C-alpha atoms as a PDB file:
ATOM      1  CA  MET A   1       0.000   0.000   0.000  1.00  0.00           C
ATOM      2  CA  THR A   2       1.084   3.534  -0.724  1.00  0.00           C
ATOM      3  CA  ASP A   3       0.427   6.509   1.487  1.00  0.00           C
ATOM      4  CA  THR A   4      -1.796   9.012  -0.293  1.00  0.00           C
ATOM      5  CA  ASN A   5       0.753  11.661   0.721  1.00  0.00           C
ATOM      6  CA  ASP A   6       2.997  10.243  -2.029  1.00  0.00           C
ATOM      7  CA  LEU A   7       0.562  11.751  -4.544  1.00  0.00           C
ATOM      8  CA  ASP A   8       0.752  15.296  -5.823  1.00  0.00           C
ATOM      9  CA  ALA A   9      -1.919  17.712  -4.632  1.00  0.00           C
ATOM     10  CA  GLU A  10      -4.140  17.308  -7.702  1.00  0.00           C
ATOM     11  CA  ASP A  11      -4.139  13.510  -7.488  1.00  0.00           C
ATOM     12  CA  ARG A  12      -4.816  13.639  -3.736  1.00  0.00           C
ATOM     13  CA  LYS A  13      -7.777  15.882  -4.550  1.00  0.00           C
ATOM     14  CA  ILE A  14      -9.413  13.359  -6.894  1.00  0.00           C
ATOM     15  CA  VAL A  15      -8.847  10.499  -4.440  1.00  0.00           C
ATOM     16  CA  THR A  16     -10.476  12.606  -1.709  1.00  0.00           C
ATOM     17  CA  LEU A  17     -13.401  13.492  -3.972  1.00  0.00           C
ATOM     18  CA  ALA A  18     -13.881   9.834  -4.938  1.00  0.00           C
ATOM     19  CA  ARG A  19     -13.805   8.786  -1.290  1.00  0.00           C
ATOM     20  CA  SER A  20     -16.356  11.467  -0.413  1.00  0.00           C
ATOM     21  CA  ALA A  21     -18.725  10.364  -3.193  1.00  0.00           C
ATOM     22  CA  ARG A  22     -18.567   6.762  -1.986  1.00  0.00           C
ATOM     23  CA  ALA A  23     -19.307   7.716   1.615  1.00  0.00           C
ATOM     24  CA  ARG A  24     -21.917  10.384   0.864  1.00  0.00           C
ATOM     25  CA  ASN A  25     -23.935   8.153  -1.447  1.00  0.00           C
ATOM     26  CA  GLY A  26     -23.440   4.872   0.402  1.00  0.00           C
ATOM     27  CA  VAL A  27     -22.328   3.108  -2.782  1.00  0.00           C
ATOM     28  CA  PRO A  28     -19.675   0.419  -3.309  1.00  0.00           C
ATOM     29  CA  GLU A  29     -17.387   2.737  -5.276  1.00  0.00           C
ATOM     30  CA  GLY A  30     -16.695   6.422  -5.684  1.00  0.00           C
ATOM     31  CA  ALA A  31     -14.673   7.890  -8.537  1.00  0.00           C
ATOM     32  CA  ALA A  32     -13.335  11.169  -9.817  1.00  0.00           C
ATOM     33  CA  VAL A  33     -11.645  12.155 -13.054  1.00  0.00           C
ATOM     34  CA  ARG A  34      -9.739  15.300 -14.008  1.00  0.00           C
ATOM     35  CA  ASP A  35     -10.055  16.584 -17.572  1.00  0.00           C
ATOM     36  CA  GLU A  36      -7.565  18.415 -19.755  1.00  0.00           C
ATOM     37  CA  THR A  37      -8.567  21.799 -18.302  1.00  0.00           C
ATOM     38  CA  GLY A  38      -8.334  20.674 -14.669  1.00  0.00           C
ATOM     39  CA  ARG A  39     -12.090  20.322 -14.129  1.00  0.00           C
ATOM     40  CA  THR A  40     -13.137  17.366 -12.004  1.00  0.00           C
ATOM     41  CA  TYR A  41     -16.126  15.069 -12.314  1.00  0.00           C
ATOM     42  CA  VAL A  42     -17.209  12.969  -9.346  1.00  0.00           C
ATOM     43  CA  ALA A  43     -19.586  10.003  -9.339  1.00  0.00           C
ATOM     44  CA  GLY A  44     -20.709   6.914  -7.496  1.00  0.00           C
ATOM     45  CA  THR A  45     -21.819   3.512  -8.669  1.00  0.00           C
ATOM     46  CA  VAL A  46     -25.068   3.483 -10.671  1.00  0.00           C
ATOM     47  CA  ALA A  47     -27.160   0.380  -9.998  1.00  0.00           C
ATOM     48  CA  LEU A  48     -30.568   0.809 -11.576  1.00  0.00           C
ATOM     49  CA  GLU A  49     -32.545  -2.075 -12.941  1.00  0.00           C
ATOM     50  CA  SER A  50     -32.098  -0.738 -16.481  1.00  0.00           C
ATOM     51  CA  LEU A  51     -28.622   0.820 -16.124  1.00  0.00           C
ATOM     52  CA  LYS A  52     -25.515  -0.427 -14.330  1.00  0.00           C
ATOM     53  CA  LEU A  53     -22.280   1.558 -14.395  1.00  0.00           C
ATOM     54  CA  SER A  54     -19.239   1.517 -12.178  1.00  0.00           C
ATOM     55  CA  ALA A  55     -18.367   4.766 -10.461  1.00  0.00           C
ATOM     56  CA  LEU A  56     -15.445   5.327 -12.834  1.00  0.00           C
ATOM     57  CA  GLN A  57     -17.553   4.685 -15.929  1.00  0.00           C
ATOM     58  CA  THR A  58     -20.101   7.175 -14.591  1.00  0.00           C
ATOM     59  CA  ALA A  59     -17.433   9.815 -13.920  1.00  0.00           C
ATOM     60  CA  VAL A  60     -16.039   9.386 -17.448  1.00  0.00           C
ATOM     61  CA  ALA A  61     -19.556   9.651 -18.894  1.00  0.00           C
ATOM     62  CA  MET A  62     -20.135  12.863 -16.912  1.00  0.00           C
ATOM     63  CA  ALA A  63     -16.889  14.306 -18.276  1.00  0.00           C
ATOM     64  CA  VAL A  64     -17.851  13.447 -21.855  1.00  0.00           C
ATOM     65  CA  ALA A  65     -21.375  14.831 -21.388  1.00  0.00           C
ATOM     66  CA  SER A  66     -19.838  18.072 -20.072  1.00  0.00           C
ATOM     67  CA  GLY A  67     -17.608  18.512 -23.120  1.00  0.00           C
ATOM     68  CA  ALA A  68     -14.279  17.130 -21.911  1.00  0.00           C
ATOM     69  CA  THR A  69     -12.048  16.017 -24.759  1.00  0.00           C
ATOM     70  CA  SER A  70      -9.335  14.286 -22.714  1.00  0.00           C
ATOM     71  CA  LEU A  71      -8.466  13.141 -19.190  1.00  0.00           C
ATOM     72  CA  GLU A  72      -5.367  13.846 -17.134  1.00  0.00           C
ATOM     73  CA  ALA A  73      -6.071  11.318 -14.367  1.00  0.00           C
ATOM     74  CA  ALA A  74      -8.706   9.099 -12.792  1.00  0.00           C
ATOM     75  CA  ALA A  75      -9.239   7.771  -9.283  1.00  0.00           C
ATOM     76  CA  VAL A  76     -11.543   5.157  -7.833  1.00  0.00           C
ATOM     77  CA  VAL A  77     -12.138   4.309  -4.188  1.00  0.00           C
ATOM     78  CA  SER A  78     -13.300   0.744  -3.691  1.00  0.00           C
ATOM     79  CA  ALA A  79     -12.861  -2.389  -1.629  1.00  0.00           C
ATOM     80  CA  ALA A  80     -11.615  -4.074  -4.825  1.00  0.00           C
ATOM     81  CA  GLU A  81      -7.941  -4.986  -5.095  1.00  0.00           C
ATOM     82  CA  THR A  82      -7.595  -4.035  -8.769  1.00  0.00           C
ATOM     83  CA  SER A  83      -9.280  -1.732 -11.243  1.00  0.00           C
ATOM     84  CA  SER A  84     -11.454  -3.516 -13.775  1.00  0.00           C
ATOM     85  CA  ASP A  85     -10.677  -3.848 -17.475  1.00  0.00           C
ATOM     86  CA  ASP A  86     -13.944  -2.038 -18.262  1.00  0.00           C
ATOM     87  CA  ASP A  87     -12.998   0.892 -16.019  1.00  0.00           C
ATOM     88  CA  ARG A  88      -9.563   1.229 -17.603  1.00  0.00           C
ATOM     89  CA  ALA A  89     -11.137   0.988 -21.066  1.00  0.00           C
ATOM     90  CA  ALA A  90     -13.493   3.897 -20.314  1.00  0.00           C
ATOM     91  CA  VAL A  91     -10.552   6.020 -19.121  1.00  0.00           C
ATOM     92  CA  ARG A  92      -8.474   4.962 -22.146  1.00  0.00           C
ATOM     93  CA  ASP A  93     -11.275   5.891 -24.561  1.00  0.00           C
ATOM     94  CA  LEU A  94     -11.218   9.499 -23.381  1.00  0.00           C
ATOM     95  CA  GLY A  95      -7.727   9.968 -21.963  1.00  0.00           C
ATOM     96  CA  GLY A  96      -5.542   7.579 -23.909  1.00  0.00           C
ATOM     97  CA  PRO A  97      -3.472   4.587 -22.791  1.00  0.00           C
ATOM     98  CA  ASP A  98      -1.038   6.574 -20.619  1.00  0.00           C
ATOM     99  CA  THR A  99      -3.705   8.152 -18.395  1.00  0.00           C
ATOM    100  CA  PRO A 100      -3.015   7.267 -14.749  1.00  0.00           C
ATOM    101  CA  VAL A 101      -5.712   5.335 -12.893  1.00  0.00           C
ATOM    102  CA  LEU A 102      -5.418   5.442  -9.107  1.00  0.00           C
ATOM    103  CA  LEU A 103      -7.133   2.798  -6.987  1.00  0.00           C
ATOM    104  CA  ALA A 104      -7.527   3.591  -3.302  1.00  0.00           C
ATOM    105  CA  GLY A 105      -9.125   1.623  -0.508  1.00  0.00           C
ATOM    106  CA  PRO A 106     -12.119   2.892   1.473  1.00  0.00           C
ATOM    107  CA  ASP A 107      -9.742   4.615   3.909  1.00  0.00           C
ATOM    108  CA  GLY A 108      -8.202   6.606   1.029  1.00  0.00           C
ATOM    109  CA  THR A 109      -4.905   4.717   1.046  1.00  0.00           C
ATOM    110  CA  LEU A 110      -3.550   4.293  -2.469  1.00  0.00           C
ATOM    111  CA  ARG A 111      -3.358   0.602  -3.392  1.00  0.00           C
ATOM    112  CA  VAL A 112      -2.435   0.639  -7.036  1.00  0.00           C
ATOM    113  CA  ARG A 113      -1.380   3.160  -9.665  1.00  0.00           C
ATOM    114  CA  VAL A 114      -1.675   1.863 -13.236  1.00  0.00           C
ATOM    115  CA  THR A 115      -2.217   3.373 -16.649  1.00  0.00           C
ATOM    116  CA  ALA A 116      -5.402   2.990 -18.647  1.00  0.00           C
ATOM    117  CA  GLY A 117      -3.291   1.179 -21.278  1.00  0.00           C
END
């Protein structure tokens, strides 16, 4: 595990926002993405009967719907040990294969840093 203090201020911010979304909404995952202009988009898991999206997929969709053309970074807070292929694919579609994806545990501690690749 990696202390979140090892992250720069902007990456710490999206981890904190993702953690807040998870707690505030009582959902399994919270996520945040930062676009090419520095704007952030925060989301939780969507689990409707007709629509199911992970928190990270939802955050990417919110960025796209708001006009973002690229991503600088993404973060997800979850009990999972790894980020899913589908989550990384959504980030890759908008941000490219080198976009960092940060996975933190529910306590905000960074577990894994990978690229969307």
